[in-house]
Amino acid sequence: MVSGWFALVLLGGEGIAAETLTRIAEVRSLTREVAATAVPVRVSGVVTWRSDSETFTIQDESAGIWISLDGARQRSVWRGDNLIFEKIREGVEVE
């Protein structure tokens, strides 16, 4: 398993419970307004697609989601090692 905090690790948020979301379906159900409050997220899943431009998709038992490491860095929500992308391959389980 490749381990790291991926693009959806959002920090902070006032007035919102800081319960960490662990299922991709929970993340996908967030409204833009709630997501903007920086809900903490940590998901595990299998990589189902990877591009050369630091984007990939992962799937857990509930849903799938597209992740952009560049976008996560720009929003200051990336908490993983920048070299981790080199280890990500289709079929690899990530956390």
N, C-alpha and C. Protein backbone atom coordinates (compact mmCIF):
# COMPACT_ATOMS: atom_id res chain seq x y z
N MET A 1 0.84 -1.18 0.00
CA MET A 1 0.00 0.00 0.00
C MET A 1 0.89 1.24 0.00
N VAL A 2 0.55 2.19 -0.84
CA VAL A 2 1.22 3.48 -0.85
C VAL A 2 0.46 4.35 0.12
N SER A 3 1.15 4.98 1.05
CA SER A 3 0.46 5.74 2.08
C SER A 3 0.85 7.21 2.01
N GLY A 4 -0.12 8.07 2.20
CA GLY A 4 0.10 9.51 2.20
C GLY A 4 -1.23 10.21 2.28
N TRP A 5 -1.24 11.45 2.64
CA TRP A 5 -2.46 12.23 2.65
C TRP A 5 -2.64 12.76 1.26
N PHE A 6 -3.75 12.41 0.63
CA PHE A 6 -3.96 12.80 -0.75
C PHE A 6 -4.74 14.09 -0.86
N ALA A 7 -5.02 14.49 -2.08
CA ALA A 7 -5.55 15.80 -2.40
C ALA A 7 -6.75 16.24 -1.60
N LEU A 8 -7.47 15.33 -1.03
CA LEU A 8 -8.69 15.72 -0.34
C LEU A 8 -8.51 15.93 1.15
N VAL A 9 -7.31 16.06 1.60
CA VAL A 9 -7.11 16.36 3.01
C VAL A 9 -7.29 17.86 3.19
N LEU A 10 -8.40 18.24 3.74
CA LEU A 10 -8.75 19.64 3.90
C LEU A 10 -8.69 19.99 5.38
N LEU A 11 -8.05 21.07 5.70
CA LEU A 11 -7.81 21.40 7.11
C LEU A 11 -8.55 22.65 7.53
N GLY A 12 -8.84 22.74 8.81
CA GLY A 12 -9.44 23.94 9.37
C GLY A 12 -10.95 23.85 9.44
N GLY A 13 -11.62 24.97 9.19
CA GLY A 13 -13.08 25.00 9.20
C GLY A 13 -13.62 25.36 10.58
N GLU A 14 -14.37 26.41 10.64
CA GLU A 14 -14.95 26.82 11.91
C GLU A 14 -16.44 26.59 11.88
N GLY A 15 -16.99 26.15 13.00
CA GLY A 15 -18.42 25.94 13.11
C GLY A 15 -18.91 24.64 12.48
N ILE A 16 -18.00 23.82 11.98
CA ILE A 16 -18.36 22.53 11.39
C ILE A 16 -17.66 21.45 12.20
N ALA A 17 -18.36 20.37 12.46
CA ALA A 17 -17.74 19.25 13.19
C ALA A 17 -16.53 18.78 12.41
N ALA A 18 -15.45 18.49 13.12
CA ALA A 18 -14.19 18.10 12.47
C ALA A 18 -14.07 16.59 12.33
N GLU A 19 -15.18 15.89 12.18
CA GLU A 19 -15.14 14.44 11.99
C GLU A 19 -14.53 14.14 10.62
N THR A 20 -13.52 13.30 10.60
CA THR A 20 -12.83 12.97 9.36
C THR A 20 -13.68 12.05 8.51
N LEU A 21 -13.88 12.42 7.25
CA LEU A 21 -14.60 11.58 6.31
C LEU A 21 -13.66 10.49 5.81
N THR A 22 -14.15 9.26 5.73
CA THR A 22 -13.30 8.14 5.34
C THR A 22 -13.81 7.38 4.12
N ARG A 23 -14.96 7.74 3.60
CA ARG A 23 -15.52 7.08 2.42
C ARG A 23 -15.63 8.09 1.29
N ILE A 24 -15.28 7.67 0.10
CA ILE A 24 -15.32 8.57 -1.06
C ILE A 24 -16.75 9.08 -1.30
N ALA A 25 -17.75 8.24 -1.11
CA ALA A 25 -19.13 8.69 -1.30
C ALA A 25 -19.48 9.86 -0.37
N GLU A 26 -18.94 9.86 0.84
CA GLU A 26 -19.17 10.96 1.78
C GLU A 26 -18.55 12.25 1.23
N VAL A 27 -17.36 12.14 0.68
CA VAL A 27 -16.68 13.30 0.13
C VAL A 27 -17.46 13.84 -1.06
N ARG A 28 -17.90 12.95 -1.94
CA ARG A 28 -18.63 13.37 -3.14
C ARG A 28 -19.98 13.99 -2.81
N SER A 29 -20.54 13.67 -1.64
CA SER A 29 -21.84 14.22 -1.28
C SER A 29 -21.76 15.63 -0.69
N LEU A 30 -20.56 16.11 -0.41
CA LEU A 30 -20.41 17.45 0.16
C LEU A 30 -20.82 18.52 -0.86
N THR A 31 -21.50 19.53 -0.39
CA THR A 31 -21.75 20.69 -1.24
C THR A 31 -20.46 21.49 -1.36
N ARG A 32 -20.35 22.34 -2.36
CA ARG A 32 -19.16 23.19 -2.49
C ARG A 32 -18.97 24.06 -1.26
N GLU A 33 -20.07 24.53 -0.71
CA GLU A 33 -20.00 25.40 0.46
C GLU A 33 -19.42 24.67 1.67
N VAL A 34 -19.86 23.45 1.89
CA VAL A 34 -19.35 22.67 3.02
C VAL A 34 -17.89 22.28 2.76
N ALA A 35 -17.58 21.85 1.55
CA ALA A 35 -16.20 21.50 1.23
C ALA A 35 -15.26 22.69 1.42
N ALA A 36 -15.74 23.88 1.15
CA ALA A 36 -14.92 25.09 1.31
C ALA A 36 -14.61 25.38 2.76
N THR A 37 -15.32 24.76 3.70
CA THR A 37 -15.05 24.98 5.11
C THR A 37 -13.91 24.11 5.61
N ALA A 38 -13.32 23.34 4.72
CA ALA A 38 -12.15 22.53 5.05
C ALA A 38 -12.48 21.34 5.93
N VAL A 39 -13.35 20.50 5.47
CA VAL A 39 -13.69 19.26 6.17
C VAL A 39 -12.51 18.30 6.07
N PRO A 40 -12.08 17.69 7.18
CA PRO A 40 -10.95 16.75 7.11
C PRO A 40 -11.37 15.45 6.41
N VAL A 41 -10.52 14.98 5.50
CA VAL A 41 -10.81 13.77 4.73
C VAL A 41 -9.56 12.90 4.67
N ARG A 42 -9.78 11.60 4.87
CA ARG A 42 -8.70 10.63 4.67
C ARG A 42 -9.34 9.36 4.14
N VAL A 43 -9.06 9.05 2.89
CA VAL A 43 -9.68 7.88 2.26
C VAL A 43 -8.63 6.88 1.82
N SER A 44 -9.06 5.63 1.69
CA SER A 44 -8.24 4.56 1.15
C SER A 44 -8.97 4.00 -0.06
N GLY A 45 -8.22 3.55 -1.05
CA GLY A 45 -8.84 2.95 -2.21
C GLY A 45 -7.80 2.41 -3.17
N VAL A 46 -8.28 1.92 -4.30
CA VAL A 46 -7.41 1.37 -5.33
C VAL A 46 -7.33 2.36 -6.48
N VAL A 47 -6.13 2.59 -6.98
CA VAL A 47 -5.94 3.48 -8.12
C VAL A 47 -6.52 2.79 -9.35
N THR A 48 -7.44 3.47 -10.03
CA THR A 48 -8.06 2.89 -11.23
C THR A 48 -7.58 3.56 -12.51
N TRP A 49 -6.93 4.71 -12.40
CA TRP A 49 -6.40 5.42 -13.56
C TRP A 49 -5.34 6.40 -13.08
N ARG A 50 -4.32 6.59 -13.88
CA ARG A 50 -3.25 7.54 -13.56
C ARG A 50 -2.77 8.19 -14.83
N SER A 51 -2.58 9.50 -14.79
CA SER A 51 -2.03 10.22 -15.94
C SER A 51 -0.58 10.58 -15.65
N ASP A 52 0.07 11.17 -16.63
CA ASP A 52 1.43 11.65 -16.44
C ASP A 52 1.47 13.04 -15.82
N SER A 53 0.32 13.66 -15.65
CA SER A 53 0.28 15.04 -15.16
C SER A 53 -0.20 15.14 -13.72
N GLU A 54 0.20 14.20 -12.89
CA GLU A 54 -0.10 14.21 -11.45
C GLU A 54 -1.58 14.20 -11.15
N THR A 55 -2.34 13.48 -11.93
CA THR A 55 -3.74 13.26 -11.64
C THR A 55 -4.01 11.76 -11.67
N PHE A 56 -4.95 11.34 -10.85
CA PHE A 56 -5.31 9.93 -10.82
C PHE A 56 -6.71 9.79 -10.24
N THR A 57 -7.29 8.61 -10.39
CA THR A 57 -8.57 8.31 -9.76
C THR A 57 -8.39 7.15 -8.81
N ILE A 58 -9.16 7.19 -7.73
CA ILE A 58 -9.17 6.05 -6.80
C ILE A 58 -10.61 5.64 -6.55
N GLN A 59 -10.77 4.39 -6.19
CA GLN A 59 -12.08 3.80 -5.95
C GLN A 59 -12.05 3.07 -4.61
N ASP A 60 -13.06 3.32 -3.78
CA ASP A 60 -13.25 2.48 -2.60
C ASP A 60 -14.57 1.73 -2.77
N GLU A 61 -15.07 1.10 -1.73
CA GLU A 61 -16.29 0.31 -1.87
C GLU A 61 -17.53 1.17 -2.09
N SER A 62 -17.41 2.49 -1.88
CA SER A 62 -18.58 3.36 -1.97
C SER A 62 -18.65 4.19 -3.25
N ALA A 63 -17.51 4.53 -3.85
CA ALA A 63 -17.50 5.41 -5.02
C ALA A 63 -16.07 5.58 -5.52
N GLY A 64 -15.92 6.39 -6.54
CA GLY A 64 -14.61 6.76 -7.07
C GLY A 64 -14.47 8.26 -7.10
N ILE A 65 -13.22 8.73 -7.17
CA ILE A 65 -12.99 10.18 -7.19
C ILE A 65 -11.70 10.47 -7.94
N TRP A 66 -11.68 11.62 -8.61
CA TRP A 66 -10.53 12.10 -9.37
C TRP A 66 -9.71 13.01 -8.47
N ILE A 67 -8.40 12.86 -8.49
CA ILE A 67 -7.52 13.64 -7.62
C ILE A 67 -6.44 14.31 -8.46
N SER A 68 -6.21 15.59 -8.20
CA SER A 68 -5.16 16.37 -8.85
C SER A 68 -4.18 16.84 -7.79
N LEU A 69 -2.97 16.32 -7.84
CA LEU A 69 -1.97 16.75 -6.85
C LEU A 69 -1.60 18.21 -7.05
N ASP A 70 -1.53 18.67 -8.31
CA ASP A 70 -1.21 20.07 -8.57
C ASP A 70 -2.28 20.98 -7.97
N GLY A 71 -3.54 20.63 -8.18
CA GLY A 71 -4.63 21.42 -7.60
C GLY A 71 -4.59 21.42 -6.09
N ALA A 72 -4.25 20.28 -5.51
CA ALA A 72 -4.16 20.17 -4.05
C ALA A 72 -3.04 21.04 -3.51
N ARG A 73 -1.92 21.07 -4.21
CA ARG A 73 -0.81 21.94 -3.77
C ARG A 73 -1.21 23.40 -3.84
N GLN A 74 -1.89 23.79 -4.92
CA GLN A 74 -2.31 25.18 -5.08
C GLN A 74 -3.27 25.61 -3.98
N ARG A 75 -4.08 24.68 -3.49
CA ARG A 75 -5.03 24.98 -2.41
C ARG A 75 -4.44 24.72 -1.02
N SER A 76 -3.18 24.34 -0.98
CA SER A 76 -2.48 24.05 0.28
C SER A 76 -3.16 22.95 1.08
N VAL A 77 -3.69 21.92 0.40
CA VAL A 77 -4.32 20.81 1.10
C VAL A 77 -3.54 19.51 0.92
N TRP A 78 -2.47 19.52 0.20
CA TRP A 78 -1.65 18.33 0.00
C TRP A 78 -0.80 18.09 1.23
N ARG A 79 -0.86 16.88 1.80
CA ARG A 79 -0.10 16.53 2.98
C ARG A 79 0.76 15.31 2.73
N GLY A 80 1.03 15.00 1.48
CA GLY A 80 1.83 13.83 1.15
C GLY A 80 3.20 14.23 0.63
N ASP A 81 4.04 13.25 0.51
CA ASP A 81 5.36 13.43 -0.06
C ASP A 81 5.20 13.71 -1.55
N ASN A 82 5.85 14.73 -2.05
CA ASN A 82 5.72 15.09 -3.46
C ASN A 82 6.22 14.00 -4.40
N LEU A 83 7.06 13.11 -3.91
CA LEU A 83 7.57 12.03 -4.75
C LEU A 83 6.64 10.82 -4.78
N ILE A 84 5.58 10.87 -4.00
CA ILE A 84 4.68 9.71 -3.90
C ILE A 84 4.01 9.40 -5.23
N PHE A 85 3.80 10.42 -6.07
CA PHE A 85 3.13 10.19 -7.34
C PHE A 85 3.87 9.17 -8.19
N GLU A 86 5.19 9.13 -8.08
CA GLU A 86 5.97 8.16 -8.86
C GLU A 86 5.64 6.72 -8.47
N LYS A 87 5.16 6.50 -7.25
CA LYS A 87 4.84 5.16 -6.78
C LYS A 87 3.40 4.74 -7.11
N ILE A 88 2.59 5.69 -7.52
CA ILE A 88 1.19 5.40 -7.78
C ILE A 88 1.04 4.76 -9.16
N ARG A 89 0.43 3.61 -9.19
CA ARG A 89 0.16 2.87 -10.43
C ARG A 89 -1.25 2.30 -10.36
N GLU A 90 -1.83 2.05 -11.51
CA GLU A 90 -3.14 1.41 -11.54
C GLU A 90 -3.08 0.07 -10.81
N GLY A 91 -4.08 -0.18 -9.99
CA GLY A 91 -4.15 -1.42 -9.23
C GLY A 91 -3.51 -1.36 -7.86
N VAL A 92 -2.81 -0.26 -7.54
CA VAL A 92 -2.15 -0.09 -6.25
C VAL A 92 -3.15 0.46 -5.24
N GLU A 93 -3.14 -0.08 -4.03
CA GLU A 93 -3.98 0.46 -2.97
C GLU A 93 -3.27 1.65 -2.34
N VAL A 94 -4.01 2.74 -2.17
CA VAL A 94 -3.44 3.95 -1.59
C VAL A 94 -4.27 4.38 -0.40
N GLU A 95 -3.64 5.13 0.48
CA GLU A 95 -4.33 5.70 1.64
C GLU A 95 -3.95 7.16 1.75
